[in-house]
């Protein structure tokens, strides 16, 4: 039986930059064990930050969540940025 949909849940907005980052991260990390990604853009509170930064959370079943930070807005990020950010995850 399918769960009852939450009517108060925010609907995910389509974001081409987020979709590209997700694809690059999945390609770089593989999917073994199965992987879940959360990609967020936040305004950094540290005075030395350039402003917006993008956080990629990598979750795998049975493992601690790992984070990669890219000090750019989603629209500025390249595939190389993502590969560099997740290479040690």
Protein backbone atom coordinates (compact mmCIF):
# COMPACT_ATOMS: atom_id res chain seq x y z
CA UNK A 1 0.00 0.00 0.00
CA UNK A 2 1.39 3.40 -0.96
CA UNK A 3 1.86 5.94 1.84
CA UNK A 4 -0.56 8.85 2.04
CA UNK A 5 1.02 11.90 0.33
CA UNK A 6 1.81 14.80 2.66
CA UNK A 7 -0.18 17.81 1.39
CA UNK A 8 2.10 20.21 3.29
CA UNK A 9 5.36 18.97 1.79
CA UNK A 10 7.10 21.47 -0.46
CA UNK A 11 7.21 20.34 -4.04
CA UNK A 12 10.72 20.11 -5.43
CA UNK A 13 11.34 22.79 -8.00
CA UNK A 14 13.17 21.90 -11.17
CA UNK A 15 16.65 23.37 -11.12
CA UNK A 16 18.94 22.62 -14.10
CA UNK A 17 22.09 23.55 -12.16
CA UNK A 18 21.15 21.22 -9.26
CA UNK A 19 20.31 18.45 -11.73
CA UNK A 20 23.71 18.81 -13.42
CA UNK A 21 25.54 18.76 -10.06
CA UNK A 22 23.61 15.64 -9.04
CA UNK A 23 24.54 13.88 -12.29
CA UNK A 24 28.22 14.80 -11.97
CA UNK A 25 28.33 13.68 -8.32
CA UNK A 26 26.60 10.38 -9.08
CA UNK A 27 29.03 9.72 -11.94
CA UNK A 28 32.02 10.51 -9.74
CA UNK A 29 30.83 8.50 -6.72
CA UNK A 30 29.14 5.54 -8.37
CA UNK A 31 26.16 3.87 -6.72
CA UNK A 32 27.65 0.98 -4.79
CA UNK A 33 26.39 0.87 -2.07
CA UNK A 34 23.19 2.73 -3.03
CA UNK A 35 23.59 6.43 -2.58
CA UNK A 36 21.30 9.35 -1.78
CA UNK A 37 22.35 12.94 -2.46
CA UNK A 38 21.06 16.21 -1.07
CA UNK A 39 22.29 19.37 -2.78
CA UNK A 40 21.70 22.72 -1.09
CA UNK A 41 22.79 26.27 -1.67
CA UNK A 42 23.29 28.41 1.44
CA UNK A 43 24.49 31.88 2.27
CA UNK A 44 27.73 31.40 4.20
CA UNK A 45 27.81 33.31 7.48
CA UNK A 46 31.61 33.40 7.63
CA UNK A 47 33.04 36.80 6.62
CA UNK A 48 35.75 35.12 4.49
CA UNK A 49 33.17 33.25 2.38
CA UNK A 50 32.35 34.57 -1.08
CA UNK A 51 28.61 34.56 -0.26
CA UNK A 52 26.69 31.58 -1.60
CA UNK A 53 28.11 28.10 -1.29
CA UNK A 54 26.82 24.71 -2.32
CA UNK A 55 26.75 21.71 0.00
CA UNK A 56 26.51 18.15 -1.31
CA UNK A 57 25.46 15.63 1.33
CA UNK A 58 26.26 12.03 0.47
CA UNK A 59 24.26 9.36 2.32
CA UNK A 60 24.84 5.64 2.01
CA UNK A 61 22.99 3.01 3.97
CA UNK A 62 24.97 1.90 7.01
CA UNK A 63 27.49 4.76 6.75
CA UNK A 64 27.80 8.20 8.25
CA UNK A 65 26.62 11.11 6.11
CA UNK A 66 29.49 12.91 4.40
CA UNK A 67 29.51 16.47 3.11
CA UNK A 68 31.34 18.23 0.31
CA UNK A 69 31.38 22.01 0.20
CA UNK A 70 31.91 24.10 -2.91
CA UNK A 71 32.28 27.83 -2.29
CA UNK A 72 30.27 28.84 -5.34
CA UNK A 73 26.62 29.21 -6.21
CA UNK A 74 25.06 26.26 -8.03
CA UNK A 75 25.06 28.17 -11.32
CA UNK A 76 28.84 28.73 -11.15
CA UNK A 77 29.80 25.12 -10.46
CA UNK A 78 31.49 23.00 -13.11
CA UNK A 79 31.90 19.24 -13.41
CA UNK A 80 35.54 19.60 -12.34
CA UNK A 81 34.44 21.44 -9.16
CA UNK A 82 32.15 18.55 -8.26
CA UNK A 83 34.73 15.85 -9.01
CA UNK A 84 37.30 17.68 -6.87
CA UNK A 85 34.84 18.17 -4.02
CA UNK A 86 33.74 14.52 -3.79
CA UNK A 87 36.97 12.70 -4.64
CA UNK A 88 37.69 11.74 -1.01
CA UNK A 89 34.12 10.77 -0.11
